[in-house]
């Protein structure tokens, strides 16, 4: 049976640390130190200064998060 502080694999296969276990021992939370994809955001592209400030073109940028916590059913 796993305990808090042990290592477990996150859903993407990285080595993660168990930080929480439910009372019925069916659910655990693991904290992974690797980068995980979070979302796509639109940011202003300032390469074309000829446009007015409200009409800048936007481009998409992927955002990654470290130390993400996953809930895993065991």
N, C-alpha and C. Protein backbone atom coordinates (compact mmCIF):
# COMPACT_ATOMS: atom_id res chain seq x y z
N UNK A 1 0.84 -1.18 0.00
CA UNK A 1 0.00 0.00 0.00
C UNK A 1 0.88 1.24 0.00
N UNK A 2 0.64 2.19 -0.89
CA UNK A 2 1.47 3.39 -0.93
C UNK A 2 1.22 4.30 0.27
N UNK A 3 2.22 5.09 0.61
CA UNK A 3 2.07 6.05 1.71
C UNK A 3 2.58 7.41 1.25
N UNK A 4 2.25 8.45 1.99
CA UNK A 4 2.66 9.81 1.64
C UNK A 4 4.18 9.89 1.62
N UNK A 5 4.71 10.47 0.56
CA UNK A 5 6.16 10.59 0.41
C UNK A 5 6.75 9.57 -0.54
N UNK A 6 6.01 8.50 -0.83
CA UNK A 6 6.47 7.51 -1.80
C UNK A 6 6.37 8.09 -3.20
N UNK A 7 7.05 7.42 -4.13
CA UNK A 7 6.99 7.87 -5.52
C UNK A 7 6.03 7.00 -6.30
N UNK A 8 5.32 7.64 -7.23
CA UNK A 8 4.31 7.00 -8.06
C UNK A 8 4.38 7.66 -9.44
N UNK A 9 3.92 7.01 -10.46
CA UNK A 9 3.96 7.59 -11.81
C UNK A 9 2.75 8.50 -12.04
N UNK A 10 3.00 9.69 -12.60
CA UNK A 10 1.91 10.59 -12.97
C UNK A 10 1.27 10.05 -14.25
N UNK A 11 0.12 10.59 -14.68
CA UNK A 11 -0.54 10.09 -15.90
C UNK A 11 0.32 10.17 -17.16
N UNK A 12 1.32 11.03 -17.19
CA UNK A 12 2.20 11.13 -18.36
C UNK A 12 3.48 10.31 -18.21
N UNK A 13 3.59 9.55 -17.15
CA UNK A 13 4.70 8.63 -16.98
C UNK A 13 5.91 9.17 -16.24
N UNK A 14 5.83 10.37 -15.68
CA UNK A 14 6.95 10.92 -14.92
C UNK A 14 6.94 10.41 -13.48
N UNK A 15 8.08 10.52 -12.83
CA UNK A 15 8.20 10.13 -11.43
C UNK A 15 7.64 11.27 -10.56
N UNK A 16 6.59 10.98 -9.79
CA UNK A 16 5.91 12.00 -8.97
C UNK A 16 5.83 11.52 -7.53
N UNK A 17 5.69 12.47 -6.61
CA UNK A 17 5.63 12.15 -5.18
C UNK A 17 4.18 12.17 -4.70
N UNK A 18 3.80 11.18 -3.89
CA UNK A 18 2.46 11.12 -3.32
C UNK A 18 2.37 12.15 -2.20
N UNK A 19 1.37 13.06 -2.30
CA UNK A 19 1.22 14.11 -1.29
C UNK A 19 -0.06 13.96 -0.47
N UNK A 20 -0.98 13.09 -0.90
CA UNK A 20 -2.24 12.93 -0.19
C UNK A 20 -2.83 11.58 -0.53
N UNK A 21 -3.47 10.95 0.47
CA UNK A 21 -4.18 9.69 0.27
C UNK A 21 -5.55 9.83 0.93
N UNK A 22 -6.61 9.42 0.23
CA UNK A 22 -7.96 9.52 0.79
C UNK A 22 -8.12 8.55 1.95
N UNK A 23 -9.16 8.77 2.74
CA UNK A 23 -9.40 7.92 3.90
C UNK A 23 -9.73 6.49 3.51
N UNK A 24 -10.42 6.31 2.38
CA UNK A 24 -10.78 4.95 1.96
C UNK A 24 -9.69 4.30 1.11
N UNK A 25 -8.55 4.97 0.95
CA UNK A 25 -7.36 4.45 0.25
C UNK A 25 -7.62 4.13 -1.22
N UNK A 26 -8.62 4.79 -1.83
CA UNK A 26 -8.92 4.55 -3.24
C UNK A 26 -8.47 5.68 -4.14
N UNK A 27 -8.06 6.80 -3.57
CA UNK A 27 -7.68 7.98 -4.34
C UNK A 27 -6.40 8.58 -3.75
N UNK A 28 -5.44 8.92 -4.64
CA UNK A 28 -4.21 9.56 -4.18
C UNK A 28 -3.97 10.82 -5.01
N UNK A 29 -3.22 11.75 -4.43
CA UNK A 29 -2.79 12.95 -5.14
C UNK A 29 -1.28 12.88 -5.28
N UNK A 30 -0.79 13.05 -6.51
CA UNK A 30 0.65 13.04 -6.76
C UNK A 30 1.07 14.38 -7.32
N UNK A 31 2.23 14.86 -6.88
CA UNK A 31 2.77 16.14 -7.33
C UNK A 31 3.97 15.86 -8.22
N UNK A 32 3.88 16.27 -9.49
CA UNK A 32 4.91 15.97 -10.47
C UNK A 32 5.78 17.21 -10.72
N UNK A 33 7.10 17.10 -10.60
CA UNK A 33 7.98 18.25 -10.80
C UNK A 33 8.27 18.57 -12.26
N UNK A 34 7.83 17.74 -13.19
CA UNK A 34 8.09 17.96 -14.61
C UNK A 34 7.11 18.98 -15.19
N UNK A 35 7.39 19.44 -16.42
CA UNK A 35 6.51 20.38 -17.10
C UNK A 35 5.33 19.64 -17.73
N UNK A 36 4.13 20.19 -17.53
CA UNK A 36 2.92 19.62 -18.12
C UNK A 36 2.17 20.72 -18.86
N UNK A 37 1.59 20.37 -19.99
CA UNK A 37 0.82 21.31 -20.79
C UNK A 37 -0.40 21.78 -20.01
N UNK A 38 -0.61 23.09 -19.96
CA UNK A 38 -1.73 23.63 -19.22
C UNK A 38 -2.82 24.18 -20.13
N UNK A 39 -2.46 25.13 -21.02
CA UNK A 39 -3.47 25.74 -21.87
C UNK A 39 -2.78 26.49 -23.01
N UNK A 40 -3.59 26.99 -23.93
CA UNK A 40 -3.10 27.82 -25.03
C UNK A 40 -3.68 29.21 -24.82
N UNK A 41 -2.82 30.23 -24.81
CA UNK A 41 -3.28 31.61 -24.65
C UNK A 41 -2.91 32.42 -25.88
N UNK A 42 -3.65 33.47 -26.11
CA UNK A 42 -3.34 34.37 -27.22
C UNK A 42 -2.55 35.55 -26.69
N UNK A 43 -1.45 35.86 -27.33
CA UNK A 43 -0.61 36.99 -26.94
C UNK A 43 -0.46 37.92 -28.13
N UNK A 44 -0.21 39.18 -27.83
CA UNK A 44 -0.08 40.17 -28.89
C UNK A 44 1.25 40.01 -29.60
N UNK A 45 1.20 40.07 -30.91
CA UNK A 45 2.39 39.98 -31.74
C UNK A 45 2.83 41.41 -32.07
N UNK A 46 3.92 41.89 -31.45
CA UNK A 46 4.38 43.26 -31.63
C UNK A 46 5.36 43.40 -32.79
N UNK A 47 5.43 42.44 -33.67
CA UNK A 47 6.35 42.50 -34.79
C UNK A 47 5.88 43.47 -35.87
N UNK A 48 4.63 43.86 -35.87
CA UNK A 48 4.08 44.75 -36.89
C UNK A 48 3.62 46.05 -36.24
N UNK A 49 4.50 47.02 -36.02
CA UNK A 49 4.12 48.24 -35.31
C UNK A 49 3.23 49.18 -36.12
N UNK A 50 2.97 48.91 -37.40
CA UNK A 50 2.16 49.79 -38.22
C UNK A 50 0.68 49.75 -37.82
N UNK A 51 0.26 48.74 -37.11
CA UNK A 51 -1.14 48.63 -36.70
C UNK A 51 -1.38 49.46 -35.43
N UNK A 52 -2.60 49.90 -35.23
CA UNK A 52 -2.92 50.63 -34.01
C UNK A 52 -2.85 49.68 -32.82
N UNK A 53 -2.86 50.24 -31.63
CA UNK A 53 -2.68 49.41 -30.43
C UNK A 53 -3.81 48.42 -30.22
N UNK A 54 -5.02 48.74 -30.69
CA UNK A 54 -6.14 47.83 -30.51
C UNK A 54 -6.21 46.77 -31.59
N UNK A 55 -5.45 46.93 -32.65
CA UNK A 55 -5.57 46.01 -33.77
C UNK A 55 -4.31 45.17 -34.00
N UNK A 56 -3.52 44.98 -32.95
CA UNK A 56 -2.35 44.12 -33.08
C UNK A 56 -2.80 42.70 -33.37
N UNK A 57 -2.07 42.06 -34.21
CA UNK A 57 -2.36 40.65 -34.47
C UNK A 57 -1.95 39.84 -33.25
N UNK A 58 -2.66 38.74 -33.04
CA UNK A 58 -2.34 37.87 -31.92
C UNK A 58 -1.81 36.54 -32.43
N UNK A 59 -1.02 35.89 -31.61
CA UNK A 59 -0.55 34.55 -31.91
C UNK A 59 -0.76 33.70 -30.67
N UNK A 60 -0.80 32.40 -30.87
CA UNK A 60 -1.05 31.50 -29.75
C UNK A 60 0.26 31.03 -29.13
N UNK A 61 0.26 30.88 -27.83
CA UNK A 61 1.42 30.41 -27.11
C UNK A 61 0.97 29.33 -26.13
N UNK A 62 1.71 28.25 -26.08
CA UNK A 62 1.38 27.17 -25.14
C UNK A 62 1.98 27.50 -23.78
N UNK A 63 1.22 27.22 -22.73
CA UNK A 63 1.65 27.48 -21.37
C UNK A 63 1.86 26.14 -20.68
N UNK A 64 3.00 25.99 -20.05
CA UNK A 64 3.32 24.77 -19.31
C UNK A 64 3.42 25.09 -17.83
N UNK A 65 3.09 24.11 -17.00
CA UNK A 65 3.07 24.29 -15.56
C UNK A 65 3.96 23.24 -14.91
N UNK A 66 4.72 23.64 -13.91
CA UNK A 66 5.50 22.69 -13.11
C UNK A 66 4.79 22.45 -11.79
N UNK A 67 5.13 21.36 -11.13
CA UNK A 67 4.55 20.99 -9.83
C UNK A 67 3.03 20.85 -9.90
N UNK A 68 2.55 20.23 -10.94
CA UNK A 68 1.12 20.00 -11.11
C UNK A 68 0.71 18.81 -10.24
N UNK A 69 -0.47 18.90 -9.62
CA UNK A 69 -0.98 17.84 -8.75
C UNK A 69 -2.08 17.11 -9.50
N UNK A 70 -1.95 15.78 -9.57
CA UNK A 70 -2.94 14.92 -10.22
C UNK A 70 -3.65 14.08 -9.17
N UNK A 71 -4.95 13.89 -9.34
CA UNK A 71 -5.70 12.94 -8.52
C UNK A 71 -5.79 11.65 -9.31
N UNK A 72 -5.39 10.55 -8.68
CA UNK A 72 -5.36 9.25 -9.36
C UNK A 72 -6.14 8.24 -8.55
N UNK A 73 -7.04 7.54 -9.23
CA UNK A 73 -7.80 6.47 -8.59
C UNK A 73 -6.99 5.19 -8.66
N UNK A 74 -6.78 4.52 -7.53
CA UNK A 74 -5.99 3.28 -7.54
C UNK A 74 -6.87 2.10 -7.15
